[in-house]
C-alpha atoms as a PDB file:
ATOM      1  CA  MET A   1     -72.909 -20.048 -34.508  1.00  0.00           C
ATOM      2  CA  ILE A   2     -75.820 -22.488 -35.540  1.00  0.00           C
ATOM      3  CA  ALA A   3     -78.402 -23.740 -33.485  1.00  0.00           C
ATOM      4  CA  ASP A   4     -81.964 -25.227 -33.593  1.00  0.00           C
ATOM      5  CA  GLY A   5     -85.512 -23.519 -34.205  1.00  0.00           C
ATOM      6  CA  GLY A   6     -86.389 -22.587 -30.698  1.00  0.00           C
ATOM      7  CA  TYR A   7     -83.402 -19.660 -31.285  1.00  0.00           C
ATOM      8  CA  ARG A   8     -85.598 -17.727 -33.796  1.00  0.00           C
ATOM      9  CA  GLY A   9     -84.661 -14.075 -34.205  1.00  0.00           C
ATOM     10  CA  THR A  10     -81.539 -14.144 -32.078  1.00  0.00           C
ATOM     11  CA  GLY A  11     -79.233 -13.807 -34.950  1.00  0.00           C
ATOM     12  CA  LEU A  12     -77.772 -17.351 -35.041  1.00  0.00           C
ATOM     13  CA  VAL A  13     -77.850 -19.509 -38.070  1.00  0.00           C
ATOM     14  CA  ILE A  14     -80.951 -21.803 -37.917  1.00  0.00           C
ATOM     15  CA  PRO A  15     -82.618 -24.362 -40.040  1.00  0.00           C
ATOM     16  CA  HIS A  16     -85.129 -22.761 -42.845  1.00  0.00           C
ATOM     17  CA  ARG A  17     -88.612 -23.831 -42.427  1.00  0.00           C
ATOM     18  CA  ARG A  18     -91.520 -23.613 -44.728  1.00  0.00           C
ATOM     19  CA  GLU A  19     -93.915 -20.460 -44.159  1.00  0.00           C
ATOM     20  CA  PRO A  20     -97.711 -21.172 -43.995  1.00  0.00           C
ATOM     21  CA  GLY A  21     -99.306 -22.231 -47.531  1.00  0.00           C
ATOM     22  CA  GLN A  22     -95.679 -22.636 -48.884  1.00  0.00           C
ATOM     23  CA  ALA A  23     -95.762 -26.307 -50.453  1.00  0.00           C
ATOM     24  CA  GLU A  24     -91.685 -26.830 -49.991  1.00  0.00           C
ATOM     25  CA  LEU A  25     -88.392 -25.031 -49.429  1.00  0.00           C
ATOM     26  CA  SER A  26     -86.401 -24.014 -52.391  1.00  0.00           C
ATOM     27  CA  ALA A  27     -83.189 -26.561 -53.310  1.00  0.00           C
ATOM     28  CA  TRP A  28     -80.830 -24.247 -51.918  1.00  0.00           C
ATOM     29  CA  LYS A  29     -82.674 -24.058 -48.482  1.00  0.00           C
ATOM     30  CA  GLU A  30     -82.913 -27.814 -48.531  1.00  0.00           C
ATOM     31  CA  GLN A  31     -79.258 -28.068 -48.735  1.00  0.00           C
ATOM     32  CA  HIS A  32     -78.464 -25.634 -45.997  1.00  0.00           C
ATOM     33  CA  ASN A  33     -80.993 -27.521 -43.904  1.00  0.00           C
ATOM     34  CA  ARG A  34     -79.206 -30.918 -44.482  1.00  0.00           C
ATOM     35  CA  SER A  35     -75.517 -29.410 -43.860  1.00  0.00           C
ATOM     36  CA  HIS A  36     -76.832 -27.672 -40.817  1.00  0.00           C
ATOM     37  CA  ARG A  37     -78.410 -31.233 -39.779  1.00  0.00           C
ATOM     38  CA  LYS A  38     -74.852 -32.813 -40.340  1.00  0.00           C
ATOM     39  CA  VAL A  39     -73.054 -30.622 -38.342  1.00  0.00           C
ATOM     40  CA  ARG A  40     -75.372 -30.401 -35.329  1.00  0.00           C
ATOM     41  CA  ALA A  41     -75.594 -34.180 -34.830  1.00  0.00           C
ATOM     42  CA  ARG A  42     -71.647 -34.184 -34.659  1.00  0.00           C
ATOM     43  CA  VAL A  43     -72.019 -31.362 -32.139  1.00  0.00           C
ATOM     44  CA  GLU A  44     -74.917 -33.603 -29.831  1.00  0.00           C
ATOM     45  CA  HIS A  45     -72.671 -36.475 -30.298  1.00  0.00           C
ATOM     46  CA  ALA A  46     -69.764 -34.740 -28.516  1.00  0.00           C
ATOM     47  CA  PHE A  47     -72.092 -33.230 -25.629  1.00  0.00           C
ATOM     48  CA  ALA A  48     -73.321 -36.898 -25.198  1.00  0.00           C
ATOM     49  CA  ARG A  49     -69.726 -38.337 -25.121  1.00  0.00           C
ATOM     50  CA  MET A  50     -69.095 -35.559 -22.604  1.00  0.00           C
ATOM     51  CA  LYS A  51     -72.067 -36.270 -20.444  1.00  0.00           C
ATOM     52  CA  SER A  52     -70.738 -39.836 -20.271  1.00  0.00           C
ATOM     53  CA  TRP A  53     -67.710 -38.765 -18.286  1.00  0.00           C
ATOM     54  CA  LYS A  54     -68.498 -38.721 -14.257  1.00  0.00           C
ATOM     55  CA  ILE A  55     -66.743 -35.261 -13.607  1.00  0.00           C
ATOM     56  CA  LEU A  56     -68.711 -33.612 -15.756  1.00  0.00           C
ATOM     57  CA  ARG A  57     -72.085 -35.119 -14.553  1.00  0.00           C
ATOM     58  CA  ASP A  58     -71.128 -34.317 -10.966  1.00  0.00           C
ATOM     59  CA  CYS A  59     -68.798 -31.179 -11.741  1.00  0.00           C
ATOM     60  CA  ARG A  60     -69.243 -28.421  -9.071  1.00  0.00           C
ATOM     61  CA  LEU A  61     -66.386 -26.262 -10.265  1.00  0.00           C
ATOM     62  CA  LYS A  62     -66.491 -22.542 -10.565  1.00  0.00           C
ATOM     63  CA  GLY A  63     -64.639 -20.112 -13.122  1.00  0.00           C
ATOM     64  CA  HIS A  64     -62.180 -21.940 -15.499  1.00  0.00           C
ATOM     65  CA  GLY A  65     -62.671 -25.143 -13.369  1.00  0.00           C
ATOM     66  CA  VAL A  66     -65.346 -26.903 -16.021  1.00  0.00           C
ATOM     67  CA  HIS A  67     -63.105 -25.812 -19.190  1.00  0.00           C
ATOM     68  CA  HIS A  68     -60.093 -27.424 -17.785  1.00  0.00           C
ATOM     69  CA  ALA A  69     -61.953 -30.384 -16.726  1.00  0.00           C
ATOM     70  CA  ILE A  70     -63.400 -30.623 -20.327  1.00  0.00           C
ATOM     71  CA  LEU A  71     -59.800 -30.359 -21.941  1.00  0.00           C
ATOM     72  CA  GLY A  72     -58.643 -32.960 -19.513  1.00  0.00           C
ATOM     73  CA  ILE A  73     -61.516 -35.326 -20.572  1.00  0.00           C
ATOM     74  CA  ALA A  74     -60.916 -34.780 -24.458  1.00  0.00           C
ATOM     75  CA  ARG A  75     -56.979 -35.351 -24.024  1.00  0.00           C
ATOM     76  CA  LEU A  76     -57.825 -38.718 -21.888  1.00  0.00           C
ATOM     77  CA  HIS A  77     -60.582 -39.642 -24.813  1.00  0.00           C
ATOM     78  CA  ASN A  78     -58.241 -39.062 -27.684  1.00  0.00           C
ATOM     79  CA  LEU A  79     -55.315 -41.129 -25.690  1.00  0.00           C
ATOM     80  CA  ALA A  80     -58.251 -43.918 -25.396  1.00  0.00           C
ATOM     81  CA  LEU A  81     -58.939 -43.891 -28.919  1.00  0.00           C
ATOM     82  CA  THR A  82     -55.266 -44.383 -29.977  1.00  0.00           C
ATOM     83  CA  GLY A  83     -54.596 -47.090 -27.861  1.00  0.00           C
END
């Protein structure tokens, strides 16, 4: 599971940061950060897309209700994309 820098020490995959006094990151760490940014951008865009659906903004369902609502929205979105 990937996360941003706010989750340090949790065992999640977070971007590499320069240590104090370190001029720059090594090439492999820069590459890792680049791929990390690409994946997180897609996930954040998906979250933003889901939040545009009113049912999720106003959702007060309990248990698996939210899960089923998200599945339904994803299906509707895919249908809208295919025409």
